Amino acid sequence: MDNRHRVGLIAQELAEVIPEAVRENGEFLTIDDSRVFYDTVAAAQELYRLTGNLENKIDEVEQISKKLAKFSKKKQQFGSTISGLSGLT
């Protein structure tokens, strides 16, 4: 008895997503494994490209956020200094 967990595809469901990967074989549908493999690899490459771009953008946003926080702090310090000086007149 084989107790391993197996993962597979349902041809009817796959036909809705990648119809070119499904073929009729008499009364059954079969899956072209190589087509699914190559489409999966292409999708993984695209996700990697998008994720890499997102990581770069997140880094840029974090750097801008730090600069804005420093600027805001300096602006608050400058504002309190001006307030203190205006009380002298």
PDB file of N, CA and C in Angstrom:
ATOM      1  N   MET A   1       0.843  -1.195   0.000  1.00  0.00           N
ATOM      2  CA  MET A   1       0.000   0.000   0.000  1.00  0.00           C
ATOM      3  C   MET A   1       0.881   1.249   0.000  1.00  0.00           C
ATOM      4  N   ASP A   2       0.584   2.170  -0.890  1.00  0.00           N
ATOM      5  CA  ASP A   2       1.371   3.391  -1.047  1.00  0.00           C
ATOM      6  C   ASP A   2       0.743   4.505  -0.199  1.00  0.00           C
ATOM      7  N   ASN A   3       1.422   4.918   0.891  1.00  0.00           N
ATOM      8  CA  ASN A   3       0.888   5.934   1.797  1.00  0.00           C
ATOM      9  C   ASN A   3       1.405   7.325   1.479  1.00  0.00           C
ATOM     10  N   ARG A   4       2.145   7.469   0.394  1.00  0.00           N
ATOM     11  CA  ARG A   4       2.685   8.787   0.051  1.00  0.00           C
ATOM     12  C   ARG A   4       1.560   9.719  -0.396  1.00  0.00           C
ATOM     13  N   HIS A   5       1.732  10.981  -0.059  1.00  0.00           N
ATOM     14  CA  HIS A   5       0.794  12.012  -0.528  1.00  0.00           C
ATOM     15  C   HIS A   5       1.140  12.357  -1.967  1.00  0.00           C
ATOM     16  N   ARG A   6       0.177  12.294  -2.835  1.00  0.00           N
ATOM     17  CA  ARG A   6       0.436  12.569  -4.245  1.00  0.00           C
ATOM     18  C   ARG A   6      -0.319  13.820  -4.662  1.00  0.00           C
ATOM     19  N   VAL A   7       0.328  14.596  -5.484  1.00  0.00           N
ATOM     20  CA  VAL A   7      -0.270  15.820  -6.007  1.00  0.00           C
ATOM     21  C   VAL A   7      -0.455  15.648  -7.500  1.00  0.00           C
ATOM     22  N   GLY A   8      -1.596  16.057  -7.988  1.00  0.00           N
ATOM     23  CA  GLY A   8      -1.845  15.938  -9.415  1.00  0.00           C
ATOM     24  C   GLY A   8      -2.757  17.040  -9.896  1.00  0.00           C
ATOM     25  N   LEU A   9      -3.085  16.965 -11.138  1.00  0.00           N
ATOM     26  CA  LEU A   9      -3.970  17.943 -11.757  1.00  0.00           C
ATOM     27  C   LEU A   9      -5.234  17.257 -12.239  1.00  0.00           C
ATOM     28  N   ILE A  10      -6.309  17.986 -12.253  1.00  0.00           N
ATOM     29  CA  ILE A  10      -7.557  17.493 -12.813  1.00  0.00           C
ATOM     30  C   ILE A  10      -7.673  18.100 -14.203  1.00  0.00           C
ATOM     31  N   ALA A  11      -7.736  17.246 -15.203  1.00  0.00           N
ATOM     32  CA  ALA A  11      -7.708  17.702 -16.595  1.00  0.00           C
ATOM     33  C   ALA A  11      -8.826  18.690 -16.896  1.00  0.00           C
ATOM     34  N   GLN A  12     -10.018  18.447 -16.375  1.00  0.00           N
ATOM     35  CA  GLN A  12     -11.136  19.357 -16.634  1.00  0.00           C
ATOM     36  C   GLN A  12     -10.855  20.760 -16.084  1.00  0.00           C
ATOM     37  N   GLU A  13     -10.234  20.833 -14.917  1.00  0.00           N
ATOM     38  CA  GLU A  13      -9.903  22.134 -14.332  1.00  0.00           C
ATOM     39  C   GLU A  13      -8.751  22.787 -15.086  1.00  0.00           C
ATOM     40  N   LEU A  14      -7.766  21.990 -15.466  1.00  0.00           N
ATOM     41  CA  LEU A  14      -6.629  22.521 -16.216  1.00  0.00           C
ATOM     42  C   LEU A  14      -7.068  23.060 -17.576  1.00  0.00           C
ATOM     43  N   ALA A  15      -8.037  22.422 -18.183  1.00  0.00           N
ATOM     44  CA  ALA A  15      -8.527  22.853 -19.497  1.00  0.00           C
ATOM     45  C   ALA A  15      -9.079  24.276 -19.449  1.00  0.00           C
ATOM     46  N   GLU A  16      -9.561  24.709 -18.287  1.00  0.00           N
ATOM     47  CA  GLU A  16     -10.067  26.081 -18.140  1.00  0.00           C
ATOM     48  C   GLU A  16      -8.931  27.095 -18.107  1.00  0.00           C
ATOM     49  N   VAL A  17      -7.754  26.654 -17.683  1.00  0.00           N
ATOM     50  CA  VAL A  17      -6.616  27.565 -17.514  1.00  0.00           C
ATOM     51  C   VAL A  17      -5.642  27.467 -18.681  1.00  0.00           C
ATOM     52  N   ILE A  18      -5.266  26.247 -19.039  1.00  0.00           N
ATOM     53  CA  ILE A  18      -4.332  26.008 -20.144  1.00  0.00           C
ATOM     54  C   ILE A  18      -4.954  24.952 -21.065  1.00  0.00           C
ATOM     55  N   PRO A  19      -5.878  25.365 -21.895  1.00  0.00           N
ATOM     56  CA  PRO A  19      -6.564  24.379 -22.745  1.00  0.00           C
ATOM     57  C   PRO A  19      -5.614  23.622 -23.675  1.00  0.00           C
ATOM     58  N   GLU A  20      -4.493  24.243 -24.063  1.00  0.00           N
ATOM     59  CA  GLU A  20      -3.533  23.586 -24.962  1.00  0.00           C
ATOM     60  C   GLU A  20      -2.833  22.400 -24.300  1.00  0.00           C
ATOM     61  N   ALA A  21      -2.892  22.324 -22.969  1.00  0.00           N
ATOM     62  CA  ALA A  21      -2.205  21.256 -22.246  1.00  0.00           C
ATOM     63  C   ALA A  21      -3.094  20.029 -22.032  1.00  0.00           C
ATOM     64  N   VAL A  22      -4.332  20.086 -22.531  1.00  0.00           N
ATOM     65  CA  VAL A  22      -5.268  18.983 -22.330  1.00  0.00           C
ATOM     66  C   VAL A  22      -5.680  18.422 -23.685  1.00  0.00           C
ATOM     67  N   ARG A  23      -5.678  17.085 -23.758  1.00  0.00           N
ATOM     68  CA  ARG A  23      -6.074  16.417 -25.006  1.00  0.00           C
ATOM     69  C   ARG A  23      -7.151  15.386 -24.707  1.00  0.00           C
ATOM     70  N   GLU A  24      -8.009  15.171 -25.685  1.00  0.00           N
ATOM     71  CA  GLU A  24      -9.011  14.108 -25.552  1.00  0.00           C
ATOM     72  C   GLU A  24      -8.398  12.793 -25.994  1.00  0.00           C
ATOM     73  N   ASN A  25      -8.620  11.771 -25.189  1.00  0.00           N
ATOM     74  CA  ASN A  25      -8.121  10.440 -25.500  1.00  0.00           C
ATOM     75  C   ASN A  25      -9.315   9.484 -25.381  1.00  0.00           C
ATOM     76  N   GLY A  26     -10.119   9.448 -26.418  1.00  0.00           N
ATOM     77  CA  GLY A  26     -11.338   8.649 -26.357  1.00  0.00           C
ATOM     78  C   GLY A  26     -12.322   9.299 -25.416  1.00  0.00           C
ATOM     79  N   GLU A  27     -12.705   8.594 -24.366  1.00  0.00           N
ATOM     80  CA  GLU A  27     -13.672   9.147 -23.412  1.00  0.00           C
ATOM     81  C   GLU A  27     -12.999   9.877 -22.255  1.00  0.00           C
ATOM     82  N   PHE A  28     -11.659   9.918 -22.242  1.00  0.00           N
ATOM     83  CA  PHE A  28     -10.914  10.555 -21.163  1.00  0.00           C
ATOM     84  C   PHE A  28     -10.157  11.777 -21.676  1.00  0.00           C
ATOM     85  N   LEU A  29      -9.839  12.660 -20.741  1.00  0.00           N
ATOM     86  CA  LEU A  29      -8.950  13.775 -21.030  1.00  0.00           C
ATOM     87  C   LEU A  29      -7.579  13.436 -20.465  1.00  0.00           C
ATOM     88  N   THR A  30      -6.531  13.767 -21.201  1.00  0.00           N
ATOM     89  CA  THR A  30      -5.166  13.558 -20.708  1.00  0.00           C
ATOM     90  C   THR A  30      -4.450  14.901 -20.652  1.00  0.00           C
ATOM     91  N   ILE A  31      -3.413  14.925 -19.854  1.00  0.00           N
ATOM     92  CA  ILE A  31      -2.644  16.156 -19.647  1.00  0.00           C
ATOM     93  C   ILE A  31      -1.270  15.996 -20.280  1.00  0.00           C
ATOM     94  N   ASP A  32      -0.875  17.025 -21.028  1.00  0.00           N
ATOM     95  CA  ASP A  32       0.466  17.071 -21.606  1.00  0.00           C
ATOM     96  C   ASP A  32       1.403  17.622 -20.524  1.00  0.00           C
ATOM     97  N   ASP A  33       2.074  16.713 -19.831  1.00  0.00           N
ATOM     98  CA  ASP A  33       2.925  17.101 -18.697  1.00  0.00           C
ATOM     99  C   ASP A  33       4.010  18.092 -19.085  1.00  0.00           C
ATOM    100  N   SER A  34       4.605  17.913 -20.255  1.00  0.00           N
ATOM    101  CA  SER A  34       5.687  18.815 -20.646  1.00  0.00           C
ATOM    102  C   SER A  34       5.154  20.228 -20.854  1.00  0.00           C
ATOM    103  N   ARG A  35       3.974  20.373 -21.402  1.00  0.00           N
ATOM    104  CA  ARG A  35       3.383  21.708 -21.602  1.00  0.00           C
ATOM    105  C   ARG A  35       3.139  22.375 -20.249  1.00  0.00           C
ATOM    106  N   VAL A  36       2.597  21.607 -19.311  1.00  0.00           N
ATOM    107  CA  VAL A  36       2.345  22.139 -17.972  1.00  0.00           C
ATOM    108  C   VAL A  36       3.666  22.529 -17.316  1.00  0.00           C
ATOM    109  N   PHE A  37       4.689  21.694 -17.461  1.00  0.00           N
ATOM    110  CA  PHE A  37       5.990  21.977 -16.869  1.00  0.00           C
ATOM    111  C   PHE A  37       6.552  23.298 -17.393  1.00  0.00           C
ATOM    112  N   TYR A  38       6.564  23.467 -18.713  1.00  0.00           N
ATOM    113  CA  TYR A  38       7.155  24.677 -19.294  1.00  0.00           C
ATOM    114  C   TYR A  38       6.339  25.923 -18.956  1.00  0.00           C
ATOM    115  N   ASP A  39       5.027  25.809 -18.931  1.00  0.00           N
ATOM    116  CA  ASP A  39       4.203  26.952 -18.528  1.00  0.00           C
ATOM    117  C   ASP A  39       4.442  27.303 -17.061  1.00  0.00           C
ATOM    118  N   THR A  40       4.642  26.286 -16.235  1.00  0.00           N
ATOM    119  CA  THR A  40       4.913  26.520 -14.817  1.00  0.00           C
ATOM    120  C   THR A  40       6.266  27.208 -14.624  1.00  0.00           C
ATOM    121  N   VAL A  41       7.259  26.759 -15.351  1.00  0.00           N
ATOM    122  CA  VAL A  41       8.581  27.385 -15.275  1.00  0.00           C
ATOM    123  C   VAL A  41       8.498  28.843 -15.728  1.00  0.00           C
ATOM    124  N   ALA A  42       7.795  29.099 -16.805  1.00  0.00           N
ATOM    125  CA  ALA A  42       7.645  30.482 -17.299  1.00  0.00           C
ATOM    126  C   ALA A  42       6.926  31.346 -16.268  1.00  0.00           C
ATOM    127  N   ALA A  43       5.895  30.795 -15.634  1.00  0.00           N
ATOM    128  CA  ALA A  43       5.166  31.544 -14.607  1.00  0.00           C
ATOM    129  C   ALA A  43       6.065  31.828 -13.406  1.00  0.00           C
ATOM    130  N   ALA A  44       6.867  30.846 -13.002  1.00  0.00           N
ATOM    131  CA  ALA A  44       7.783  31.042 -11.878  1.00  0.00           C
ATOM    132  C   ALA A  44       8.821  32.122 -12.197  1.00  0.00           C
ATOM    133  N   GLN A  45       9.315  32.129 -13.422  1.00  0.00           N
ATOM    134  CA  GLN A  45      10.279  33.160 -13.827  1.00  0.00           C
ATOM    135  C   GLN A  45       9.643  34.541 -13.782  1.00  0.00           C
ATOM    136  N   GLU A  46       8.416  34.651 -14.247  1.00  0.00           N
ATOM    137  CA  GLU A  46       7.715  35.943 -14.231  1.00  0.00           C
ATOM    138  C   GLU A  46       7.468  36.396 -12.792  1.00  0.00           C
ATOM    139  N   LEU A  47       7.056  35.485 -11.923  1.00  0.00           N
ATOM    140  CA  LEU A  47       6.855  35.829 -10.513  1.00  0.00           C
ATOM    141  C   LEU A  47       8.157  36.277  -9.863  1.00  0.00           C
ATOM    142  N   TYR A  48       9.253  35.599 -10.198  1.00  0.00           N
ATOM    143  CA  TYR A  48      10.557  35.984  -9.664  1.00  0.00           C
ATOM    144  C   TYR A  48      10.925  37.396 -10.126  1.00  0.00           C
ATOM    145  N   ARG A  49      10.675  37.689 -11.398  1.00  0.00           N
ATOM    146  CA  ARG A  49      10.973  39.020 -11.930  1.00  0.00           C
ATOM    147  C   ARG A  49      10.147  40.075 -11.216  1.00  0.00           C
ATOM    148  N   LEU A  50       8.852  39.811 -11.039  1.00  0.00           N
ATOM    149  CA  LEU A  50       7.979  40.766 -10.362  1.00  0.00           C
ATOM    150  C   LEU A  50       8.348  40.939  -8.898  1.00  0.00           C
ATOM    151  N   THR A  51       8.677  39.845  -8.232  1.00  0.00           N
ATOM    152  CA  THR A  51       9.048  39.906  -6.825  1.00  0.00           C
ATOM    153  C   THR A  51      10.342  40.681  -6.647  1.00  0.00           C
ATOM    154  N   GLY A  52      11.307  40.456  -7.528  1.00  0.00           N
ATOM    155  CA  GLY A  52      12.568  41.195  -7.452  1.00  0.00           C
ATOM    156  C   GLY A  52      12.337  42.681  -7.605  1.00  0.00           C
ATOM    157  N   ASN A  53      11.486  43.050  -8.547  1.00  0.00           N
ATOM    158  CA  ASN A  53      11.165  44.475  -8.737  1.00  0.00           C
ATOM    159  C   ASN A  53      10.475  45.041  -7.506  1.00  0.00           C
ATOM    160  N   LEU A  54       9.588  44.272  -6.896  1.00  0.00           N
ATOM    161  CA  LEU A  54       8.900  44.745  -5.693  1.00  0.00           C
ATOM    162  C   LEU A  54       9.873  44.939  -4.547  1.00  0.00           C
ATOM    163  N   GLU A  55      10.829  44.030  -4.398  1.00  0.00           N
ATOM    164  CA  GLU A  55      11.827  44.170  -3.335  1.00  0.00           C
ATOM    165  C   GLU A  55      12.636  45.446  -3.529  1.00  0.00           C
ATOM    166  N   ASN A  56      13.022  45.744  -4.764  1.00  0.00           N
ATOM    167  CA  ASN A  56      13.768  46.981  -5.036  1.00  0.00           C
ATOM    168  C   ASN A  56      12.914  48.201  -4.720  1.00  0.00           C
ATOM    169  N   LYS A  57      11.657  48.171  -5.105  1.00  0.00           N
ATOM    170  CA  LYS A  57      10.770  49.307  -4.840  1.00  0.00           C
ATOM    171  C   LYS A  57      10.537  49.490  -3.346  1.00  0.00           C
ATOM    172  N   ILE A  58      10.393  48.385  -2.611  1.00  0.00           N
ATOM    173  CA  ILE A  58      10.211  48.476  -1.163  1.00  0.00           C
ATOM    174  C   ILE A  58      11.449  49.111  -0.529  1.00  0.00           C
ATOM    175  N   ASP A  59      12.635  48.714  -0.962  1.00  0.00           N
ATOM    176  CA  ASP A  59      13.870  49.312  -0.446  1.00  0.00           C
ATOM    177  C   ASP A  59      13.892  50.815  -0.714  1.00  0.00           C
ATOM    178  N   GLU A  60      13.501  51.213  -1.923  1.00  0.00           N
ATOM    179  CA  GLU A  60      13.482  52.634  -2.272  1.00  0.00           C
ATOM    180  C   GLU A  60      12.491  53.398  -1.397  1.00  0.00           C
ATOM    181  N   VAL A  61      11.318  52.825  -1.181  1.00  0.00           N
ATOM    182  CA  VAL A  61      10.299  53.478  -0.350  1.00  0.00           C
ATOM    183  C   VAL A  61      10.792  53.607   1.090  1.00  0.00           C
ATOM    184  N   GLU A  62      11.466  52.573   1.598  1.00  0.00           N
ATOM    185  CA  GLU A  62      12.008  52.637   2.952  1.00  0.00           C
ATOM    186  C   GLU A  62      13.053  53.739   3.079  1.00  0.00           C
ATOM    187  N   GLN A  63      13.921  53.895   2.071  1.00  0.00           N
ATOM    188  CA  GLN A  63      14.935  54.955   2.092  1.00  0.00           C
ATOM    189  C   GLN A  63      14.273  56.332   2.063  1.00  0.00           C
ATOM    190  N   ILE A  64      13.257  56.492   1.225  1.00  0.00           N
ATOM    191  CA  ILE A  64      12.542  57.770   1.150  1.00  0.00           C
ATOM    192  C   ILE A  64      11.847  58.057   2.470  1.00  0.00           C
ATOM    193  N   SER A  65      11.255  57.033   3.062  1.00  0.00           N
ATOM    194  CA  SER A  65      10.563  57.193   4.347  1.00  0.00           C
ATOM    195  C   SER A  65      11.521  57.657   5.435  1.00  0.00           C
ATOM    196  N   LYS A  66      12.728  57.091   5.475  1.00  0.00           N
ATOM    197  CA  LYS A  66      13.727  57.504   6.465  1.00  0.00           C
ATOM    198  C   LYS A  66      14.121  58.963   6.255  1.00  0.00           C
ATOM    199  N   LYS A  67      14.311  59.353   4.993  1.00  0.00           N
ATOM    200  CA  LYS A  67      14.678  60.745   4.695  1.00  0.00           C
ATOM    201  C   LYS A  67      13.568  61.693   5.109  1.00  0.00           C
ATOM    202  N   LEU A  68      12.314  61.310   4.836  1.00  0.00           N
ATOM    203  CA  LEU A  68      11.180  62.152   5.220  1.00  0.00           C
ATOM    204  C   LEU A  68      11.059  62.267   6.735  1.00  0.00           C
ATOM    205  N   ALA A  69      11.327  61.175   7.445  1.00  0.00           N
ATOM    206  CA  ALA A  69      11.277  61.204   8.910  1.00  0.00           C
ATOM    207  C   ALA A  69      12.330  62.155   9.459  1.00  0.00           C
ATOM    208  N   LYS A  70      13.548  62.114   8.894  1.00  0.00           N
ATOM    209  CA  LYS A  70      14.611  63.035   9.323  1.00  0.00           C
ATOM    210  C   LYS A  70      14.227  64.478   9.026  1.00  0.00           C
ATOM    211  N   PHE A  71      13.676  64.702   7.841  1.00  0.00           N
ATOM    212  CA  PHE A  71      13.259  66.048   7.441  1.00  0.00           C
ATOM    213  C   PHE A  71      12.168  66.558   8.373  1.00  0.00           C
ATOM    214  N   SER A  72      11.199  65.693   8.691  1.00  0.00           N
ATOM    215  CA  SER A  72      10.102  66.087   9.575  1.00  0.00           C
ATOM    216  C   SER A  72      10.615  66.444  10.960  1.00  0.00           C
ATOM    217  N   LYS A  73      11.574  65.667  11.454  1.00  0.00           N
ATOM    218  CA  LYS A  73      12.147  65.935  12.775  1.00  0.00           C
ATOM    219  C   LYS A  73      12.878  67.277  12.776  1.00  0.00           C
ATOM    220  N   LYS A  74      13.663  67.536  11.719  1.00  0.00           N
ATOM    221  CA  LYS A  74      14.387  68.809  11.625  1.00  0.00           C
ATOM    222  C   LYS A  74      13.417  69.970  11.508  1.00  0.00           C
ATOM    223  N   LYS A  75      12.329  69.782  10.778  1.00  0.00           N
ATOM    224  CA  LYS A  75      11.322  70.834  10.606  1.00  0.00           C
ATOM    225  C   LYS A  75      10.667  71.162  11.951  1.00  0.00           C
ATOM    226  N   GLN A  76      10.371  70.125  12.749  1.00  0.00           N
ATOM    227  CA  GLN A  76       9.774  70.347  14.062  1.00  0.00           C
ATOM    228  C   GLN A  76      10.746  71.087  14.972  1.00  0.00           C
ATOM    229  N   GLN A  77      12.039  70.707  14.927  1.00  0.00           N
ATOM    230  CA  GLN A  77      13.036  71.383  15.744  1.00  0.00           C
ATOM    231  C   GLN A  77      13.179  72.838  15.311  1.00  0.00           C
ATOM    232  N   PHE A  78      13.192  73.075  14.007  1.00  0.00           N
ATOM    233  CA  PHE A  78      13.313  74.430  13.482  1.00  0.00           C
ATOM    234  C   PHE A  78      12.089  75.259  13.868  1.00  0.00           C
ATOM    235  N   GLY A  79      10.909  74.649  13.800  1.00  0.00           N
ATOM    236  CA  GLY A  79       9.676  75.353  14.167  1.00  0.00           C
ATOM    237  C   GLY A  79       9.663  75.758  15.624  1.00  0.00           C
ATOM    238  N   SER A  80      10.152  74.914  16.511  1.00  0.00           N
ATOM    239  CA  SER A  80      10.168  75.254  17.935  1.00  0.00           C
ATOM    240  C   SER A  80      11.203  76.337  18.206  1.00  0.00           C
ATOM    241  N   THR A  81      12.295  76.349  17.431  1.00  0.00           N
ATOM    242  CA  THR A  81      13.306  77.403  17.589  1.00  0.00           C
ATOM    243  C   THR A  81      12.721  78.748  17.160  1.00  0.00           C
ATOM    244  N   ILE A  82      11.980  78.769  16.056  1.00  0.00           N
ATOM    245  CA  ILE A  82      11.331  80.007  15.584  1.00  0.00           C
ATOM    246  C   ILE A  82      10.331  80.489  16.601  1.00  0.00           C
ATOM    247  N   SER A  83       9.556  79.576  17.195  1.00  0.00           N
ATOM    248  CA  SER A  83       8.560  79.958  18.191  1.00  0.00           C
ATOM    249  C   SER A  83       9.255  80.603  19.392  1.00  0.00           C
ATOM    250  N   GLY A  84      10.377  80.040  19.796  1.00  0.00           N
ATOM    251  CA  GLY A  84      11.108  80.580  20.924  1.00  0.00           C
ATOM    252  C   GLY A  84      11.658  81.965  20.628  1.00  0.00           C
ATOM    253  N   LEU A  85      12.103  82.185  19.402  1.00  0.00           N
ATOM    254  CA  LEU A  85      12.637  83.490  19.024  1.00  0.00           C
ATOM    255  C   LEU A  85      11.533  84.535  18.897  1.00  0.00           C
ATOM    256  N   SER A  86      10.347  84.156  18.462  1.00  0.00           N
ATOM    257  CA  SER A  86       9.273  85.144  18.292  1.00  0.00           C
ATOM    258  C   SER A  86       8.775  85.639  19.639  1.00  0.00           C
ATOM    259  N   GLY A  87       8.999  84.880  20.686  1.00  0.00           N
ATOM    260  CA  GLY A  87       8.609  85.325  22.023  1.00  0.00           C
ATOM    261  C   GLY A  87       9.544  86.399  22.567  1.00  0.00           C
ATOM    262  N   LEU A  88      10.657  86.621  21.928  1.00  0.00           N
ATOM    263  CA  LEU A  88      11.641  87.602  22.380  1.00  0.00           C
ATOM    264  C   LEU A  88      11.255  89.019  21.962  1.00  0.00           C
ATOM    265  N   THR A  89      10.415  89.165  20.956  1.00  0.00           N
ATOM    266  CA  THR A  89      10.079  90.510  20.457  1.00  0.00           C
ATOM    267  C   THR A  89       8.981  91.143  21.227  1.00  0.00           C
TER     268      THR A  89
END
